[in-house]
Amino acid sequence: MAESQSTPSCPSCRAALHQAGFTERCNRCDGAWIHEDVLVGLVQEKASAIVELPWHPREPAAGAAPEAPRPCAVCQQPMQPVSLGEVALDRCTAHGVWFDARELASVLRHAREFKADPAQHEGDHRHGLLGRIARLFGG
């Protein structure tokens, strides 16, 4: 595994990323890097509910040549091309998700589509901020 670098770089144009709220942004291409736990929190806040992010492998368009995987902004390893709803993204399961310009806004606009089935999570407190804190302490 490649050693992580001190300043994450844009998987699209290789420029240095800069902290912008809950994301790290590329000033050159306006892309956004976000850790998956933070993404879940943002989507849950927008949906006002527990959500499950349905990651699906992304296949190249019919007749199109497959693109080379983008490198993770942190570890530089190839990311997985995935889809979240209708949005095509790149994901490093260890470090985060890359959103090209306007893709994060699109996912947040459709946050309610990712609501989890409440019956599956009744009595399950492992979601949201409290769940993340519990997992930190082995809960």
Protein backbone atom coordinates (compact mmCIF):
# COMPACT_ATOMS: atom_id res chain seq x y z
CA MET A 1 0.00 0.00 0.00
CA ALA A 2 1.30 3.45 -0.86
CA GLU A 3 2.24 5.74 2.00
CA SER A 4 -0.33 8.47 2.55
CA GLN A 5 0.70 12.02 1.85
CA SER A 6 0.28 14.99 4.17
CA THR A 7 -1.88 17.04 1.76
CA PRO A 8 -4.52 15.14 -0.19
CA SER A 9 -4.49 15.79 -3.93
CA CYS A 10 -7.34 15.98 -6.41
CA PRO A 11 -7.96 12.60 -8.08
CA SER A 12 -9.05 14.45 -11.21
CA CYS A 13 -6.47 17.19 -11.81
CA ARG A 14 -3.85 16.47 -9.07
CA ALA A 15 -4.08 19.94 -7.47
CA ALA A 16 -3.80 20.18 -3.67
CA LEU A 17 -7.12 19.95 -1.83
CA HIS A 18 -8.14 22.55 0.75
CA GLN A 19 -10.46 22.13 3.74
CA ALA A 20 -13.92 23.58 3.10
CA GLY A 21 -16.39 22.75 5.84
CA PHE A 22 -16.89 18.98 5.95
CA THR A 23 -15.15 18.45 2.62
CA GLU A 24 -11.77 19.00 1.05
CA ARG A 25 -12.16 20.95 -2.18
CA CYS A 26 -10.16 21.37 -5.36
CA ASN A 27 -9.98 25.04 -6.32
CA ARG A 28 -9.08 24.10 -9.90
CA CYS A 29 -11.92 21.72 -10.88
CA ASP A 30 -14.35 22.34 -7.96
CA GLY A 31 -14.41 18.65 -7.00
CA ALA A 32 -14.91 17.53 -3.39
CA TRP A 33 -13.32 14.79 -1.28
CA ILE A 34 -15.33 13.58 1.70
CA HIS A 35 -14.92 10.77 4.22
CA GLU A 36 -17.76 8.25 3.97
CA ASP A 37 -18.85 8.65 7.63
CA VAL A 38 -19.20 12.39 7.08
CA LEU A 39 -21.15 11.77 3.87
CA VAL A 40 -23.58 9.50 5.72
CA GLY A 41 -24.08 12.21 8.35
CA LEU A 42 -24.74 14.90 5.73
CA VAL A 43 -27.21 12.72 3.83
CA GLN A 44 -28.99 11.74 7.07
CA GLU A 45 -29.28 15.39 8.04
CA LYS A 46 -30.79 16.27 4.64
CA ALA A 47 -33.13 13.27 4.69
CA SER A 48 -34.06 13.77 8.37
CA ALA A 49 -33.78 10.00 8.72
CA ILE A 50 -31.35 7.11 8.96
CA VAL A 51 -30.01 6.34 5.51
CA GLU A 52 -28.20 3.51 3.79
CA LEU A 53 -25.99 4.40 0.87
CA PRO A 54 -26.59 1.88 -1.93
CA TRP A 55 -23.16 1.71 -3.58
CA HIS A 56 -23.27 -0.08 -6.92
CA PRO A 57 -20.30 -0.98 -9.13
CA ARG A 58 -20.20 1.30 -12.15
CA GLU A 59 -19.77 -0.30 -15.54
CA PRO A 60 -18.46 1.63 -18.56
CA ALA A 61 -21.14 2.92 -20.92
CA ALA A 62 -21.96 0.55 -23.77
CA GLY A 63 -19.35 0.89 -26.49
CA ALA A 64 -17.12 3.14 -24.37
CA ALA A 65 -13.59 2.15 -23.46
CA PRO A 66 -13.11 1.60 -19.72
CA GLU A 67 -11.48 4.56 -17.98
CA ALA A 68 -8.40 4.12 -15.83
CA PRO A 69 -9.40 4.21 -12.15
CA ARG A 70 -8.71 7.50 -10.42
CA PRO A 71 -6.24 7.48 -7.54
CA CYS A 72 -7.42 7.99 -3.96
CA ALA A 73 -6.74 11.55 -2.77
CA VAL A 74 -5.05 10.15 0.36
CA CYS A 75 -3.30 6.85 -0.44
CA GLN A 76 -3.07 7.17 -4.25
CA GLN A 77 -4.36 3.60 -4.73
CA PRO A 78 -6.94 3.07 -7.52
CA MET A 79 -10.48 3.85 -6.37
CA GLN A 80 -13.57 1.82 -7.18
CA PRO A 81 -15.86 3.35 -9.81
CA VAL A 82 -19.31 3.30 -8.18
CA SER A 83 -22.76 4.78 -8.51
CA LEU A 84 -24.86 6.24 -5.72
CA GLY A 85 -28.34 6.61 -7.10
CA GLU A 86 -27.81 8.15 -10.52
CA VAL A 87 -24.49 9.80 -9.63
CA ALA A 88 -21.22 8.26 -10.87
CA LEU A 89 -18.51 8.53 -8.20
CA ASP A 90 -15.11 7.16 -7.21
CA ARG A 91 -14.68 5.50 -3.80
CA CYS A 92 -11.78 4.41 -1.62
CA THR A 93 -13.38 2.33 1.13
CA ALA A 94 -10.54 3.26 3.51
CA HIS A 95 -10.38 7.03 2.92
CA GLY A 96 -13.42 8.53 1.22
CA VAL A 97 -15.42 9.41 -1.85
CA TRP A 98 -14.60 11.76 -4.73
CA PHE A 99 -17.33 14.01 -6.13
CA ASP A 100 -16.75 15.93 -9.35
CA ALA A 101 -18.22 19.46 -9.46
CA ARG A 102 -21.94 19.55 -8.53
CA GLU A 103 -22.15 15.79 -7.79
CA LEU A 104 -22.25 16.23 -4.00
CA ALA A 105 -25.08 18.74 -4.37
CA SER A 106 -26.93 16.23 -6.57
CA VAL A 107 -26.60 13.44 -3.99
CA LEU A 108 -27.78 15.76 -1.21
CA ARG A 109 -30.78 16.89 -3.30
CA HIS A 110 -31.85 13.23 -3.55
CA ALA A 111 -31.06 12.36 0.10
CA ARG A 112 -34.59 11.15 0.85
CA GLU A 113 -34.15 8.39 -1.74
CA PHE A 114 -31.55 6.78 0.54
CA LYS A 115 -33.78 6.42 3.62
CA ALA A 116 -33.23 3.10 5.35
CA ASP A 117 -36.12 0.74 5.99
CA PRO A 118 -37.09 1.58 9.60
CA ALA A 119 -38.14 -2.01 10.30
CA GLN A 120 -34.58 -3.17 9.66
CA HIS A 121 -33.15 -0.72 12.19
CA GLU A 122 -35.70 -0.78 15.00
CA GLY A 123 -33.74 -0.72 18.25
CA ASP A 124 -30.45 -0.48 16.31
CA HIS A 125 -28.47 2.47 17.64
CA ARG A 126 -25.37 2.00 15.47
CA HIS A 127 -26.34 4.74 12.98
CA GLY A 128 -25.72 8.47 13.11
CA LEU A 129 -23.38 10.36 15.40
CA LEU A 130 -24.14 8.29 18.49
CA GLY A 131 -23.52 5.10 16.54
CA ARG A 132 -20.16 6.36 15.31
CA ILE A 133 -19.18 7.29 18.87
CA ALA A 134 -20.27 3.85 20.11
CA ARG A 135 -18.17 2.14 17.41
CA LEU A 136 -15.15 4.19 18.48
CA PHE A 137 -15.48 2.69 21.96
CA GLY A 138 -16.18 -0.82 20.76
CA GLY A 139 -19.97 -0.64 21.05
